[in-house]
Protein backbone atom coordinates (compact mmCIF):
# COMPACT_ATOMS: atom_id res chain seq x y z
CA MET A 1 90.41 6.66 -78.25
CA LYS A 2 89.75 6.09 -81.96
CA TYR A 3 88.08 2.67 -82.17
CA GLN A 4 84.82 1.74 -80.44
CA LEU A 5 83.58 -1.82 -79.86
CA ASP A 6 79.91 -1.16 -79.07
CA GLY A 7 78.14 -4.48 -78.52
CA LYS A 8 81.07 -6.56 -79.78
CA LYS A 9 81.76 -9.84 -77.98
CA VAL A 10 85.40 -10.44 -77.15
CA LEU A 11 87.07 -13.58 -75.83
CA LEU A 12 90.21 -12.28 -74.10
CA ILE A 13 93.03 -14.63 -73.07
CA ALA A 14 95.87 -12.92 -71.24
CA PRO A 15 98.51 -13.50 -68.54
CA GLN A 16 97.89 -12.51 -64.95
CA PHE A 17 100.64 -9.90 -64.73
CA PHE A 18 100.57 -7.03 -62.22
CA GLY A 19 96.92 -6.37 -63.06
CA TYR A 20 97.53 -5.58 -66.73
CA GLU A 21 95.01 -8.24 -67.76
CA VAL A 22 92.38 -6.32 -65.76
CA GLU A 23 93.33 -3.04 -67.40
CA ILE A 24 93.19 -4.49 -70.92
CA ARG A 25 89.77 -5.95 -70.18
CA SER A 26 88.58 -2.65 -68.67
CA GLU A 27 89.74 -0.72 -71.74
CA LEU A 28 87.88 -3.12 -74.06
CA GLU A 29 84.74 -2.74 -71.94
CA ARG A 30 85.13 1.05 -71.83
CA ARG A 31 84.88 0.95 -75.61
CA GLY A 32 81.60 -0.97 -75.40
CA ALA A 33 82.75 -4.59 -75.71
CA LYS A 34 81.28 -7.52 -73.79
CA VAL A 35 84.34 -9.44 -72.60
CA SER A 36 84.74 -13.08 -71.57
CA PHE A 37 88.13 -13.56 -69.92
CA LEU A 38 90.39 -16.62 -69.57
CA LEU A 39 93.90 -16.87 -68.18
CA ASP A 40 96.70 -17.77 -70.54
CA ARG A 41 98.28 -19.71 -67.67
CA PRO A 42 95.32 -21.17 -65.75
CA PHE A 43 97.14 -22.38 -62.64
CA SER A 44 97.19 -20.60 -59.29
CA SER A 45 99.89 -22.45 -57.37
CA PRO A 46 103.53 -21.26 -57.56
CA PHE A 47 104.55 -24.86 -58.35
CA MET A 48 102.28 -25.12 -61.41
CA LYS A 49 103.24 -21.65 -62.59
CA ALA A 50 106.90 -22.60 -62.41
CA ILE A 51 106.28 -25.89 -64.23
CA THR A 52 104.41 -24.01 -66.96
CA ARG A 53 107.39 -21.72 -67.44
CA LEU A 54 109.97 -24.51 -67.41
CA ARG A 55 108.10 -27.42 -69.01
CA ARG A 56 105.02 -26.17 -70.88
CA GLU A 57 104.36 -29.56 -72.49
CA TRP A 58 103.70 -31.10 -69.08
CA VAL A 59 100.64 -28.93 -68.44
CA ILE A 60 99.06 -28.70 -71.91
CA ASN A 61 96.52 -31.49 -71.34
CA ALA A 62 95.34 -29.86 -68.12
CA ALA A 63 95.14 -26.49 -69.87
CA ASP A 64 93.13 -28.00 -72.73
CA ARG A 65 90.59 -29.30 -70.22
CA TYR A 66 90.39 -25.89 -68.57
CA TYR A 67 89.72 -24.06 -71.85
CA THR A 68 87.17 -26.63 -72.99
CA GLN A 69 85.26 -26.49 -69.70
CA GLN A 70 85.34 -22.69 -69.44
CA VAL A 71 84.20 -22.00 -72.99
CA SER A 72 81.36 -24.53 -72.68
CA SER A 73 80.13 -22.64 -69.59
CA PHE A 74 79.73 -19.32 -71.43
CA ASP A 75 76.20 -18.16 -72.19
CA SER A 76 77.18 -17.44 -75.79
CA ASN A 77 80.05 -18.58 -77.97
CA ASP A 78 79.29 -16.16 -80.79
CA PHE A 79 82.42 -14.01 -80.49
CA ASP A 80 83.39 -11.12 -82.75
CA TYR A 81 87.02 -11.17 -81.59
CA VAL A 82 89.30 -13.75 -80.01
CA PHE A 83 92.09 -11.61 -78.56
CA VAL A 84 95.07 -13.54 -77.20
CA VAL A 85 98.00 -11.99 -75.34
CA ASN A 86 100.85 -14.55 -75.45
CA GLY A 87 98.61 -17.62 -74.97
CA GLN A 88 101.25 -19.57 -73.09
CA THR A 89 99.13 -22.71 -72.60
CA LEU A 90 96.95 -22.43 -75.71
CA SER A 91 97.58 -25.54 -77.78
CA THR A 92 97.17 -25.84 -81.54
CA GLY A 93 94.39 -28.35 -80.80
CA ILE A 94 92.33 -25.84 -78.82
CA LEU A 95 92.96 -23.10 -81.37
CA ASP A 96 91.82 -25.41 -84.17
CA VAL A 97 88.58 -26.11 -82.29
CA TRP A 98 88.01 -22.41 -81.68
CA LYS A 99 88.64 -21.45 -85.30
CA ARG A 100 85.92 -23.87 -86.35
CA SER A 101 83.56 -22.99 -83.49
CA PHE A 102 83.95 -19.19 -83.72
CA SER A 103 84.01 -19.04 -87.50
CA ASN A 104 82.93 -15.38 -87.67
CA ALA A 105 85.46 -14.13 -85.14
CA ILE A 106 88.60 -12.16 -85.92
CA PHE A 107 91.55 -13.87 -84.21
CA ILE A 108 94.22 -11.49 -82.87
CA LEU A 109 97.50 -12.47 -81.20
CA TYR A 110 99.79 -10.08 -79.35
CA MET A 111 103.15 -11.48 -78.24
CA TRP A 112 104.83 -9.63 -75.39
CA ASP A 113 107.56 -12.23 -75.24
CA SER A 114 110.06 -13.21 -77.94
CA PHE A 115 109.73 -16.43 -79.91
CA GLY A 116 113.26 -17.22 -78.81
CA ASN A 117 111.78 -17.70 -75.32
CA ARG A 118 108.40 -19.03 -76.47
CA ARG A 119 109.16 -21.27 -79.45
CA TRP A 120 105.72 -22.89 -79.24
CA GLY A 121 104.25 -19.53 -80.27
CA VAL A 122 105.39 -20.04 -83.87
CA ASP A 123 103.17 -23.12 -84.14
CA ASN A 124 100.15 -21.02 -83.13
CA LEU A 125 100.62 -18.33 -85.79
CA PRO A 126 98.52 -19.96 -88.57
CA PHE A 127 95.39 -19.77 -86.42
CA PHE A 128 95.38 -15.96 -86.20
CA ASP A 129 94.17 -13.36 -88.67
CA HIS A 130 96.42 -10.64 -87.24
CA VAL A 131 99.60 -11.10 -85.22
CA PHE A 132 101.48 -8.39 -83.37
CA THR A 133 104.78 -8.63 -81.53
CA PHE A 134 106.77 -6.32 -79.28
CA ASP A 135 109.99 -7.74 -80.75
CA ARG A 136 111.21 -5.96 -83.88
CA ASN A 137 113.41 -8.91 -84.91
CA ASP A 138 110.50 -11.36 -84.65
CA ALA A 139 108.34 -8.99 -86.67
CA LYS A 140 110.89 -8.98 -89.49
CA LYS A 141 111.63 -12.71 -89.35
CA TYR A 142 107.99 -13.84 -89.40
CA ALA A 143 106.45 -10.89 -91.31
CA LEU A 144 104.32 -9.77 -88.35
CA ASN A 145 103.01 -6.41 -87.17
CA PHE A 146 105.53 -4.65 -84.93
CA ARG A 147 103.94 -2.87 -81.99
CA PRO A 148 105.82 -2.05 -78.75
CA LEU A 149 104.23 -2.52 -75.34
CA PHE A 150 102.42 0.15 -73.35
CA PHE A 151 102.02 1.68 -69.92
CA SER A 152 98.79 2.09 -68.01
CA SER A 153 97.31 5.28 -66.60
CA GLY A 154 98.50 4.31 -63.11
CA PHE A 155 102.05 5.23 -64.14
CA GLU A 156 101.16 8.73 -65.34
CA LYS A 157 101.33 10.35 -61.92
CA LYS A 158 103.32 13.57 -61.75
CA PRO A 159 106.89 12.82 -60.54
CA LEU A 160 107.79 13.69 -56.96
CA GLU A 161 110.12 16.64 -56.42
CA GLU A 162 112.20 14.53 -54.03
CA ASN A 163 112.83 10.82 -54.46
CA THR A 164 113.43 8.15 -51.82
CA TYR A 165 115.57 6.06 -54.18
CA ASP A 166 118.13 7.00 -56.80
CA VAL A 167 117.45 3.79 -58.74
CA SER A 168 115.21 0.75 -58.30
CA PHE A 169 114.62 -2.65 -59.84
CA ILE A 170 111.63 -4.98 -59.36
CA GLY A 171 111.44 -8.13 -61.46
CA THR A 172 111.69 -11.90 -61.77
CA ALA A 173 115.20 -13.31 -61.33
CA HIS A 174 115.48 -15.23 -64.60
CA THR A 175 118.63 -15.98 -66.65
CA ASP A 176 121.51 -13.61 -65.74
CA ARG A 177 119.52 -10.90 -63.95
CA TYR A 178 121.12 -11.57 -60.58
CA GLN A 179 124.61 -11.25 -62.07
CA VAL A 180 123.77 -8.07 -63.97
CA LEU A 181 122.06 -6.43 -61.01
CA THR A 182 125.05 -7.24 -58.80
CA LYS A 183 127.42 -5.61 -61.32
CA VAL A 184 125.20 -2.53 -61.67
CA ASP A 185 125.04 -2.22 -57.90
CA ARG A 186 128.84 -2.16 -57.75
CA ALA A 187 129.04 0.31 -60.65
CA LEU A 188 126.67 2.74 -58.92
CA GLY A 189 128.91 2.91 -55.87
CA PRO A 190 128.15 3.28 -52.15
CA GLY A 191 126.66 6.77 -52.32
CA VAL A 192 123.64 5.70 -54.39
CA HIS A 193 120.44 4.71 -52.59
CA ALA A 194 119.02 1.70 -54.45
CA TYR A 195 115.94 -0.53 -54.07
CA TRP A 196 116.34 -4.09 -55.41
CA TYR A 197 113.54 -6.70 -55.50
CA LEU A 198 114.51 -9.93 -57.28
CA PHE A 199 111.49 -12.25 -57.29
CA LEU A 200 111.34 -16.05 -57.57
CA GLN A 201 108.14 -18.14 -57.51
CA ALA A 202 109.32 -20.46 -54.72
CA LYS A 203 112.40 -21.40 -52.74
CA TRP A 204 112.69 -24.69 -54.62
CA VAL A 205 113.02 -22.67 -57.85
CA TYR A 206 116.01 -20.90 -56.30
CA TRP A 207 117.69 -24.21 -55.42
CA ALA A 208 116.97 -25.56 -58.91
CA TYR A 209 118.57 -22.48 -60.47
CA LYS A 210 121.47 -22.71 -58.03
CA LEU A 211 122.24 -26.16 -59.47
CA THR A 212 121.58 -25.43 -63.15
CA ASN A 213 122.26 -21.71 -63.74
CA LYS A 214 125.84 -20.51 -63.36
CA GLY A 215 124.55 -17.00 -62.79
CA PHE A 216 123.22 -18.14 -59.40
CA ARG A 217 126.43 -19.81 -58.17
CA LEU A 218 127.54 -16.90 -55.96
CA SER A 219 124.03 -15.97 -54.80
CA THR A 220 122.41 -16.61 -51.43
CA LEU A 221 118.76 -17.27 -50.62
CA SER A 222 118.51 -13.87 -48.92
CA ASP A 223 119.24 -12.12 -52.26
CA PHE A 224 115.73 -13.02 -53.48
CA LYS A 225 112.11 -12.43 -52.54
CA PHE A 226 109.39 -15.09 -52.79
CA ALA A 227 106.25 -12.98 -52.46
CA PRO A 228 105.04 -11.02 -55.50
CA LEU A 229 104.43 -7.32 -55.03
CA ASN A 230 101.05 -5.91 -55.96
CA LYS A 231 100.79 -3.24 -58.59
CA ALA A 232 100.19 -0.42 -56.09
CA THR A 233 103.45 -1.27 -54.31
CA VAL A 234 105.37 -1.45 -57.59
CA GLN A 235 103.99 1.91 -58.63
CA GLY A 236 104.84 3.35 -55.24
CA VAL A 237 108.50 2.36 -55.67
CA PHE A 238 108.46 3.79 -59.19
CA PHE A 239 107.18 7.15 -58.02
CA GLN A 240 109.82 7.28 -55.29
CA SER A 241 112.69 6.48 -57.71
CA LYS A 242 114.65 8.88 -59.89
CA ALA A 243 115.70 6.08 -62.26
CA ILE A 244 114.57 2.54 -63.04
CA LEU A 245 116.91 -0.33 -63.88
CA ASP A 246 115.76 -2.59 -66.74
CA ILE A 247 117.45 -5.93 -67.53
CA GLU A 248 115.93 -7.59 -70.58
CA HIS A 249 116.10 -11.34 -71.25
CA PRO A 250 119.30 -12.15 -73.21
CA GLN A 251 117.21 -13.80 -75.95
CA GLN A 252 114.95 -10.78 -76.39
CA THR A 253 115.28 -7.52 -78.29
CA GLY A 254 111.81 -6.08 -77.64
CA LEU A 255 111.38 -3.48 -74.94
CA THR A 256 110.12 -4.74 -71.59
CA MET A 257 106.98 -3.47 -69.88
CA ARG A 258 109.29 -1.82 -67.34
CA THR A 259 110.77 0.37 -70.08
CA LEU A 260 107.36 1.70 -71.08
CA GLU A 261 106.25 2.09 -67.47
CA THR A 262 109.37 4.20 -66.92
CA LEU A 263 108.38 6.38 -69.85
CA GLY A 264 104.86 6.67 -68.41
CA ALA A 265 106.16 7.68 -65.00
CA ARG A 266 108.60 10.15 -66.60
CA LYS A 267 111.56 8.54 -64.89
CA LYS A 268 115.11 7.97 -66.06
CA LEU A 269 116.06 4.53 -67.34
CA ILE A 270 119.21 2.44 -66.98
CA THR A 271 118.93 -0.50 -69.37
CA THR A 272 120.95 -3.32 -70.91
CA ASN A 273 118.75 -3.25 -74.03
CA ILE A 274 120.70 -1.52 -76.79
CA SER A 275 117.71 -1.59 -79.17
CA VAL A 276 116.02 1.19 -77.18
CA ARG A 277 118.04 3.60 -79.35
CA GLU A 278 115.71 2.75 -82.26
CA TYR A 279 112.58 4.13 -80.56
CA ASP A 280 111.08 7.58 -80.95
CA PHE A 281 111.25 8.41 -77.22
CA TYR A 282 114.98 7.70 -76.89
CA SER A 283 117.13 10.42 -75.35
CA ASP A 284 120.61 9.92 -73.92
CA ASN A 285 119.69 12.43 -71.23
CA ASN A 286 116.87 10.16 -70.02
CA ILE A 287 118.19 6.71 -70.94
CA CYS A 288 121.56 5.18 -70.04
CA ILE A 289 122.43 2.01 -71.98
CA VAL A 290 124.91 -0.24 -70.15
CA ASP A 291 126.87 -3.35 -71.05
CA ARG A 292 125.38 -6.25 -69.08
CA ASN A 293 128.88 -7.67 -68.54
CA ALA A 294 130.64 -4.42 -67.56
CA PRO A 295 128.07 -1.71 -66.77
CA VAL A 296 129.18 1.91 -66.46
CA ILE A 297 126.82 4.70 -65.37
CA PRO A 298 128.14 8.20 -66.13
CA PRO A 299 128.38 10.22 -62.89
CA GLY A 300 126.19 13.03 -64.21
CA PHE A 301 123.36 10.83 -65.47
CA LEU A 302 121.39 10.59 -62.22
CA ALA A 303 122.08 14.24 -61.34
CA ALA A 304 120.63 15.71 -64.56
CA ALA A 305 116.91 16.53 -64.71
CA TYR A 306 114.50 14.41 -66.80
CA THR A 307 113.55 15.85 -70.20
CA ASP A 308 109.92 15.25 -71.16
CA VAL A 309 109.07 13.66 -74.54
CA ALA A 310 106.68 15.09 -77.13
CA PRO A 311 102.98 14.68 -76.16
CA GLU A 312 102.13 12.71 -79.32
CA VAL A 313 104.97 10.26 -78.64
CA TYR A 314 103.87 9.86 -75.03
CA ALA A 315 100.26 9.20 -76.11
CA ARG A 316 101.27 6.42 -78.50
CA TYR A 317 102.60 4.29 -75.65
CA ARG A 318 99.58 4.62 -73.39
CA LEU A 319 97.30 1.55 -73.17
CA GLU A 320 94.71 3.39 -75.27
CA GLY A 321 97.27 4.02 -78.03
CA TRP A 322 98.35 0.37 -77.99
CA LEU A 323 94.78 -0.88 -78.38
CA ASP A 324 93.94 1.73 -81.03
CA GLU A 325 96.84 0.56 -83.18
CA ILE A 326 95.83 -3.11 -82.86
CA LEU A 327 92.17 -2.40 -83.66
CA GLU A 328 93.14 -0.20 -86.60
CA VAL A 329 94.93 -3.12 -88.25
CA ALA A 330 92.22 -5.64 -87.28
CA SER A 331 89.49 -3.36 -88.69
CA ALA A 332 91.16 -2.69 -92.03
């Protein structure tokens, strides 16, 4: 841990995602910061969450009211940092108000989604002093800081000697994930013990996709789960798996959180993301890149033992390394 934040006041806006927002906040507080937290998607119902994902413009007015009310309730608005992760429902109007209200604050944005999926994010860029993205292509296109995602300490547990599953996948069933997972399942063959958990926010979302997404045409309702798993359960499946399947969004080149969690858990990775070859932890012994249309997993891949990465490489992708790198740029 290189950078301390003793006595600094931080306004943190982040998604509620498997407890990572809690861990980011805890790491800021561990460094001495006083943190005020707001959700980047301030709706609790599955319906509103789905609407936010599908039609962001429909919820912006409600989100504006939420941010205005919450900030006005704070004891102090004299922030040193406004730290936004994604900011899915942060409008340019709210950001403009905050820039004028928190005139001494350093505004930091970290995007853990690609602008191809979050086009509204480009409009928000002028309001930030420092912008980071997990997507190398976005970093080049918009002249931003490139910084991959991270894993938390909960994924650093020593691997089990014997695994319950050969390969597992837990994730939201967006775009072509159902199709890809089905093809990977066939490619693995009957002798492989797999754990699949394709999540959708609600059954009506499934029926909407069934009508509008050709990738869902051959699916059945029983192929999907409608209750999110908590982080402890996700980690439990990780620790019981020899390999993790990762299926990135077709419009994205950045590495998913799952990829970094797999690194943290010292597990093998089967991924459709060809750009993983460009990263310093890549090893063809540990990582199998497959074609999302015709996946092939070499028969010896799952049988071979995992090869650990260099300690300094491993440390860079921990949550502490991620935050150090962001604060280093913001403090320059």
